[in-house]
C-alpha atoms as a PDB file:
ATOM      1  CA  MET A   1       0.000   0.000   0.000  1.00  0.00           C
ATOM      2  CA  THR A   2       1.311   3.452  -0.867  1.00  0.00           C
ATOM      3  CA  ASP A   3       1.041   6.496   1.320  1.00  0.00           C
ATOM      4  CA  GLU A   4      -1.306   8.810  -0.568  1.00  0.00           C
ATOM      5  CA  THR A   5      -0.174  11.934   1.259  1.00  0.00           C
ATOM      6  CA  GLY A   6       3.606  11.605   1.430  1.00  0.00           C
ATOM      7  CA  PRO A   7       6.122  13.005  -1.040  1.00  0.00           C
ATOM      8  CA  TRP A   8       7.140  11.534  -4.369  1.00  0.00           C
ATOM      9  CA  LEU A   9      10.813  10.803  -4.978  1.00  0.00           C
ATOM     10  CA  VAL A  10      11.826  11.626  -8.549  1.00  0.00           C
ATOM     11  CA  VAL A  11      15.219  10.150  -9.437  1.00  0.00           C
ATOM     12  CA  GLY A  12      17.063  11.599 -12.397  1.00  0.00           C
ATOM     13  CA  LEU A  13      19.581   8.940 -13.413  1.00  0.00           C
ATOM     14  CA  GLY A  14      22.951  10.000 -14.788  1.00  0.00           C
ATOM     15  CA  ASN A  15      26.640  10.307 -14.041  1.00  0.00           C
ATOM     16  CA  PRO A  16      28.065  13.190 -11.985  1.00  0.00           C
ATOM     17  CA  GLY A  17      30.721  15.427 -13.503  1.00  0.00           C
ATOM     18  CA  ARG A  18      30.861  18.067 -16.210  1.00  0.00           C
ATOM     19  CA  GLN A  19      32.310  15.645 -18.776  1.00  0.00           C
ATOM     20  CA  TYR A  20      29.072  13.608 -18.682  1.00  0.00           C
ATOM     21  CA  ALA A  21      26.601  16.491 -18.512  1.00  0.00           C
ATOM     22  CA  HIS A  22      25.393  16.333 -22.136  1.00  0.00           C
ATOM     23  CA  ASN A  23      25.602  12.543 -22.607  1.00  0.00           C
ATOM     24  CA  ARG A  24      22.570  10.527 -23.651  1.00  0.00           C
ATOM     25  CA  HIS A  25      22.961   8.601 -20.371  1.00  0.00           C
ATOM     26  CA  ASN A  26      22.387  11.852 -18.445  1.00  0.00           C
ATOM     27  CA  VAL A  27      18.970  12.761 -19.745  1.00  0.00           C
ATOM     28  CA  GLY A  28      17.528  11.908 -16.324  1.00  0.00           C
ATOM     29  CA  PHE A  29      19.637  14.686 -14.777  1.00  0.00           C
ATOM     30  CA  MET A  30      18.354  17.106 -17.450  1.00  0.00           C
ATOM     31  CA  VAL A  31      14.721  16.309 -16.606  1.00  0.00           C
ATOM     32  CA  ALA A  32      15.393  16.590 -12.850  1.00  0.00           C
ATOM     33  CA  ASP A  33      16.991  20.025 -13.370  1.00  0.00           C
ATOM     34  CA  LEU A  34      13.959  21.238 -15.312  1.00  0.00           C
ATOM     35  CA  LEU A  35      11.543  19.913 -12.673  1.00  0.00           C
ATOM     36  CA  ALA A  36      13.538  21.702  -9.960  1.00  0.00           C
ATOM     37  CA  ASP A  37      13.099  24.951 -11.924  1.00  0.00           C
ATOM     38  CA  ARG A  38       9.367  24.308 -12.240  1.00  0.00           C
ATOM     39  CA  VAL A  39       8.803  23.705  -8.519  1.00  0.00           C
ATOM     40  CA  GLY A  40      11.212  26.427  -7.355  1.00  0.00           C
ATOM     41  CA  GLY A  41      13.641  23.957  -5.804  1.00  0.00           C
ATOM     42  CA  ARG A  42      17.418  24.288  -5.692  1.00  0.00           C
ATOM     43  CA  PHE A  43      19.740  21.318  -5.772  1.00  0.00           C
ATOM     44  CA  GLY A  44      22.124  20.969  -2.855  1.00  0.00           C
ATOM     45  CA  ARG A  45      24.206  18.179  -1.402  1.00  0.00           C
ATOM     46  CA  HIS A  46      22.096  15.920   0.848  1.00  0.00           C
ATOM     47  CA  LYS A  47      23.555  15.183   4.287  1.00  0.00           C
ATOM     48  CA  ARG A  48      22.405  11.558   4.461  1.00  0.00           C
ATOM     49  CA  ALA A  49      22.785  10.326   0.878  1.00  0.00           C
ATOM     50  CA  MET A  50      25.413  10.558  -1.845  1.00  0.00           C
ATOM     51  CA  ALA A  51      23.128  12.755  -3.897  1.00  0.00           C
ATOM     52  CA  GLU A  52      22.059  16.247  -4.762  1.00  0.00           C
ATOM     53  CA  ALA A  53      18.449  16.860  -3.760  1.00  0.00           C
ATOM     54  CA  ALA A  54      15.823  19.551  -4.212  1.00  0.00           C
ATOM     55  CA  GLN A  55      12.252  19.890  -2.985  1.00  0.00           C
ATOM     56  CA  GLY A  56       9.122  21.715  -4.011  1.00  0.00           C
ATOM     57  CA  ARG A  57       5.413  21.358  -4.633  1.00  0.00           C
ATOM     58  CA  LEU A  58       3.513  20.933  -7.873  1.00  0.00           C
ATOM     59  CA  GLY A  59       1.291  23.978  -7.884  1.00  0.00           C
ATOM     60  CA  PHE A  60       0.059  25.789  -4.792  1.00  0.00           C
ATOM     61  CA  GLY A  61      -0.389  23.245  -2.008  1.00  0.00           C
ATOM     62  CA  GLY A  62       0.048  20.417  -4.505  1.00  0.00           C
ATOM     63  CA  PRO A  63       1.940  17.137  -4.139  1.00  0.00           C
ATOM     64  CA  LYS A  64       5.434  17.405  -2.695  1.00  0.00           C
ATOM     65  CA  LEU A  65       8.321  16.334  -4.899  1.00  0.00           C
ATOM     66  CA  VAL A  66      11.761  15.341  -3.685  1.00  0.00           C
ATOM     67  CA  LEU A  67      14.069  15.467  -6.714  1.00  0.00           C
ATOM     68  CA  MET A  68      17.430  13.770  -6.677  1.00  0.00           C
ATOM     69  CA  LYS A  69      20.531  13.259  -8.778  1.00  0.00           C
ATOM     70  CA  PRO A  70      22.789  10.501  -7.391  1.00  0.00           C
ATOM     71  CA  LEU A  71      26.436  11.538  -7.020  1.00  0.00           C
ATOM     72  CA  THR A  72      27.647   7.965  -7.426  1.00  0.00           C
ATOM     73  CA  TYR A  73      28.183   6.622 -10.904  1.00  0.00           C
ATOM     74  CA  MET A  74      25.195   5.117 -12.681  1.00  0.00           C
ATOM     75  CA  ASN A  75      25.822   1.503 -11.644  1.00  0.00           C
ATOM     76  CA  LEU A  76      25.782   2.500  -7.942  1.00  0.00           C
ATOM     77  CA  SER A  77      22.693   4.760  -8.043  1.00  0.00           C
ATOM     78  CA  GLY A  78      20.575   2.445  -5.908  1.00  0.00           C
ATOM     79  CA  GLY A  79      22.283   3.147  -2.580  1.00  0.00           C
ATOM     80  CA  PRO A  80      21.557   6.895  -2.603  1.00  0.00           C
ATOM     81  CA  VAL A  81      18.016   6.286  -3.897  1.00  0.00           C
ATOM     82  CA  ALA A  82      17.216   3.824  -1.109  1.00  0.00           C
ATOM     83  CA  GLY A  83      18.815   6.161   1.433  1.00  0.00           C
ATOM     84  CA  LEU A  84      16.739   9.147   0.360  1.00  0.00           C
ATOM     85  CA  ALA A  85      13.549   7.064   0.102  1.00  0.00           C
ATOM     86  CA  GLN A  86      14.112   5.905   3.675  1.00  0.00           C
ATOM     87  CA  PHE A  87      14.930   9.415   4.899  1.00  0.00           C
ATOM     88  CA  HIS A  88      11.715  10.868   3.418  1.00  0.00           C
ATOM     89  CA  LYS A  89       9.636   7.721   4.153  1.00  0.00           C
ATOM     90  CA  VAL A  90       8.779   7.236   0.468  1.00  0.00           C
ATOM     91  CA  SER A  91       7.445   3.815  -0.513  1.00  0.00           C
ATOM     92  CA  PRO A  92       8.765   2.290  -3.786  1.00  0.00           C
ATOM     93  CA  GLY A  93       5.382   2.874  -5.462  1.00  0.00           C
ATOM     94  CA  ARG A  94       6.008   6.621  -5.149  1.00  0.00           C
ATOM     95  CA  VAL A  95       9.523   6.492  -6.613  1.00  0.00           C
ATOM     96  CA  ILE A  96       9.870   7.637 -10.239  1.00  0.00           C
ATOM     97  CA  ALA A  97      13.111   6.919 -12.119  1.00  0.00           C
ATOM     98  CA  VAL A  98      13.763   9.032 -15.224  1.00  0.00           C
ATOM     99  CA  HIS A  99      16.274   7.347 -17.512  1.00  0.00           C
ATOM    100  CA  ASP A 100      17.556   6.876 -21.053  1.00  0.00           C
ATOM    101  CA  GLU A 101      16.205   3.863 -22.940  1.00  0.00           C
ATOM    102  CA  LEU A 102      18.024   2.185 -25.862  1.00  0.00           C
ATOM    103  CA  ASP A 103      15.016   0.060 -26.839  1.00  0.00           C
ATOM    104  CA  ILE A 104      12.814   3.055 -27.639  1.00  0.00           C
ATOM    105  CA  ASP A 105      13.320   5.357 -30.631  1.00  0.00           C
ATOM    106  CA  TYR A 106      14.621   8.855 -30.028  1.00  0.00           C
ATOM    107  CA  GLY A 107      11.746  11.229 -29.354  1.00  0.00           C
ATOM    108  CA  GLN A 108       9.501   8.602 -27.770  1.00  0.00           C
ATOM    109  CA  LEU A 109       8.600   8.623 -24.078  1.00  0.00           C
ATOM    110  CA  ARG A 110       7.138   5.657 -22.240  1.00  0.00           C
ATOM    111  CA  VAL A 111       5.928   5.098 -18.689  1.00  0.00           C
ATOM    112  CA  LYS A 112       5.724   1.804 -16.841  1.00  0.00           C
ATOM    113  CA  CYS A 113       5.652   0.478 -13.320  1.00  0.00           C
ATOM    114  CA  GLY A 114       7.825  -2.523 -12.514  1.00  0.00           C
ATOM    115  CA  GLY A 115       9.186  -4.997 -15.051  1.00  0.00           C
ATOM    116  CA  GLY A 116      12.703  -5.678 -16.189  1.00  0.00           C
ATOM    117  CA  GLU A 117      15.630  -3.280 -16.289  1.00  0.00           C
ATOM    118  CA  GLY A 118      16.543  -3.850 -19.956  1.00  0.00           C
ATOM    119  CA  GLY A 119      20.242  -4.002 -19.128  1.00  0.00           C
ATOM    120  CA  HIS A 120      20.183  -0.491 -17.611  1.00  0.00           C
ATOM    121  CA  ASN A 121      22.754  -0.444 -14.798  1.00  0.00           C
ATOM    122  CA  GLY A 122      21.084   2.418 -12.948  1.00  0.00           C
ATOM    123  CA  LEU A 123      17.747   0.595 -12.815  1.00  0.00           C
ATOM    124  CA  ARG A 124      19.431  -2.663 -11.856  1.00  0.00           C
ATOM    125  CA  SER A 125      21.134  -0.935  -8.932  1.00  0.00           C
ATOM    126  CA  MET A 126      17.876   0.733  -7.862  1.00  0.00           C
ATOM    127  CA  SER A 127      15.932  -2.540  -7.937  1.00  0.00           C
ATOM    128  CA  LYS A 128      18.594  -4.243  -5.852  1.00  0.00           C
ATOM    129  CA  SER A 129      18.795  -1.471  -3.246  1.00  0.00           C
ATOM    130  CA  LEU A 130      15.030  -0.900  -3.010  1.00  0.00           C
ATOM    131  CA  GLY A 131      14.433  -4.660  -2.824  1.00  0.00           C
ATOM    132  CA  THR A 132      11.752  -4.437  -5.515  1.00  0.00           C
ATOM    133  CA  LYS A 133      11.225  -3.603  -9.186  1.00  0.00           C
ATOM    134  CA  ASP A 134       7.828  -2.059  -8.429  1.00  0.00           C
ATOM    135  CA  TYR A 135       8.659   1.600  -8.941  1.00  0.00           C
ATOM    136  CA  VAL A 136       7.685   3.883 -11.817  1.00  0.00           C
ATOM    137  CA  ARG A 137      10.003   4.414 -14.774  1.00  0.00           C
ATOM    138  CA  VAL A 138       9.803   7.324 -17.215  1.00  0.00           C
ATOM    139  CA  ARG A 139      11.729   5.956 -20.180  1.00  0.00           C
ATOM    140  CA  PHE A 140      13.310   8.523 -22.497  1.00  0.00           C
ATOM    141  CA  GLY A 141      13.991   6.916 -25.858  1.00  0.00           C
ATOM    142  CA  ILE A 142      17.505   7.408 -27.237  1.00  0.00           C
ATOM    143  CA  GLY A 143      17.349   4.697 -29.896  1.00  0.00           C
ATOM    144  CA  ARG A 144      19.973   2.138 -30.806  1.00  0.00           C
ATOM    145  CA  PRO A 145      23.546   3.120 -31.728  1.00  0.00           C
ATOM    146  CA  PRO A 146      24.243   3.477 -35.445  1.00  0.00           C
ATOM    147  CA  GLY A 147      26.201   0.784 -37.251  1.00  0.00           C
ATOM    148  CA  ARG A 148      28.365  -1.303 -34.969  1.00  0.00           C
ATOM    149  CA  GLN A 149      28.943   1.305 -32.278  1.00  0.00           C
ATOM    150  CA  ASP A 150      29.153  -0.232 -28.810  1.00  0.00           C
ATOM    151  CA  PRO A 151      26.014   0.653 -26.793  1.00  0.00           C
ATOM    152  CA  ALA A 152      28.240   1.574 -23.810  1.00  0.00           C
ATOM    153  CA  ASP A 153      30.089   4.152 -25.943  1.00  0.00           C
ATOM    154  CA  TYR A 154      26.832   5.368 -27.459  1.00  0.00           C
ATOM    155  CA  VAL A 155      25.104   6.162 -24.135  1.00  0.00           C
ATOM    156  CA  LEU A 156      28.238   7.954 -22.908  1.00  0.00           C
ATOM    157  CA  SER A 157      28.392  10.180 -25.977  1.00  0.00           C
ATOM    158  CA  ASP A 158      26.574  13.477 -26.440  1.00  0.00           C
ATOM    159  CA  PHE A 159      23.342  13.857 -28.367  1.00  0.00           C
ATOM    160  CA  SER A 160      23.923  14.514 -32.073  1.00  0.00           C
ATOM    161  CA  PRO A 161      23.392  18.022 -33.523  1.00  0.00           C
ATOM    162  CA  VAL A 162      20.161  16.803 -35.149  1.00  0.00           C
ATOM    163  CA  GLU A 163      18.912  15.322 -31.862  1.00  0.00           C
ATOM    164  CA  ARG A 164      19.830  18.481 -29.958  1.00  0.00           C
ATOM    165  CA  LYS A 165      17.350  20.486 -32.049  1.00  0.00           C
ATOM    166  CA  GLU A 166      14.534  18.559 -30.383  1.00  0.00           C
ATOM    167  CA  LEU A 167      16.159  17.837 -27.034  1.00  0.00           C
ATOM    168  CA  ASP A 168      14.812  20.804 -25.053  1.00  0.00           C
ATOM    169  CA  PHE A 169      11.273  20.056 -26.222  1.00  0.00           C
ATOM    170  CA  LEU A 170      11.613  16.373 -25.297  1.00  0.00           C
ATOM    171  CA  VAL A 171      13.096  17.100 -21.861  1.00  0.00           C
ATOM    172  CA  ASP A 172      10.178  19.481 -21.278  1.00  0.00           C
ATOM    173  CA  ARG A 173       7.738  16.778 -22.365  1.00  0.00           C
ATOM    174  CA  ALA A 174       9.409  14.221 -20.082  1.00  0.00           C
ATOM    175  CA  ALA A 175       8.966  16.630 -17.160  1.00  0.00           C
ATOM    176  CA  ASP A 176       5.275  16.891 -18.119  1.00  0.00           C
ATOM    177  CA  VAL A 177       5.074  13.078 -18.026  1.00  0.00           C
ATOM    178  CA  VAL A 178       6.535  12.992 -14.504  1.00  0.00           C
ATOM    179  CA  GLU A 179       4.019  15.601 -13.347  1.00  0.00           C
ATOM    180  CA  SER A 180       1.218  13.605 -14.957  1.00  0.00           C
ATOM    181  CA  VAL A 181       2.243  10.416 -13.125  1.00  0.00           C
ATOM    182  CA  VAL A 182       2.178  12.313  -9.822  1.00  0.00           C
ATOM    183  CA  THR A 183      -1.164  14.043 -10.389  1.00  0.00           C
ATOM    184  CA  LEU A 184      -3.097  11.493 -12.494  1.00  0.00           C
ATOM    185  CA  GLY A 185      -1.348   8.119 -12.109  1.00  0.00           C
ATOM    186  CA  VAL A 186       0.507   5.740 -14.408  1.00  0.00           C
ATOM    187  CA  GLU A 187      -2.365   4.456 -16.550  1.00  0.00           C
ATOM    188  CA  PRO A 188      -3.901   7.845 -17.441  1.00  0.00           C
ATOM    189  CA  THR A 189      -0.377   9.068 -18.251  1.00  0.00           C
ATOM    190  CA  GLN A 190       0.218   6.085 -20.552  1.00  0.00           C
ATOM    191  CA  ASN A 191      -3.079   6.809 -22.314  1.00  0.00           C
ATOM    192  CA  ARG A 192      -2.135  10.449 -22.759  1.00  0.00           C
ATOM    193  CA  TYR A 193       1.511  10.166 -23.835  1.00  0.00           C
ATOM    194  CA  HIS A 194       1.974   6.782 -25.501  1.00  0.00           C
ATOM    195  CA  GLY A 195       0.289   7.869 -28.710  1.00  0.00           C
ATOM    196  CA  GLY A 196       3.263   9.803 -30.068  1.00  0.00           C
END
């Protein structure tokens, strides 16, 4: 059972450090930054978790969001997520992970609760540390690497000039999807956003 009044924990997955800031793998950080702007929150180092965190409400008196960007590398994200969830007493059903997704074309956004991790190290670490896969994922499609490029190199490279033309719009749309999950739920959000 989820607590219907407590905060939501929105986890932007990525790697810390300026050299990774514009990588495909860091799109979760980009969405978290935009959401912080929207709710008037400012990221600061959290005392209890290896993470930057920000807080705010969706609208006046609306649901409380705790936004986080783990300061560990992607494959160790779960520890800080579990730590912050425990600190704020957030159940896994109110945790939303925003992450890049190789198996979805660029420009597509998908929402799901639970299921596999699709080889994503950040999700794998979260599932292990939370002790469950039953949290919400906002999946930001980045598509498959061209030719024979190694997927590991592809996710750690920057978006192409063509992709960057649409990137701000898509990050904005992904933030809308997160807000929709919080205010409406997963299924209504799927119905609204899975068309395009």
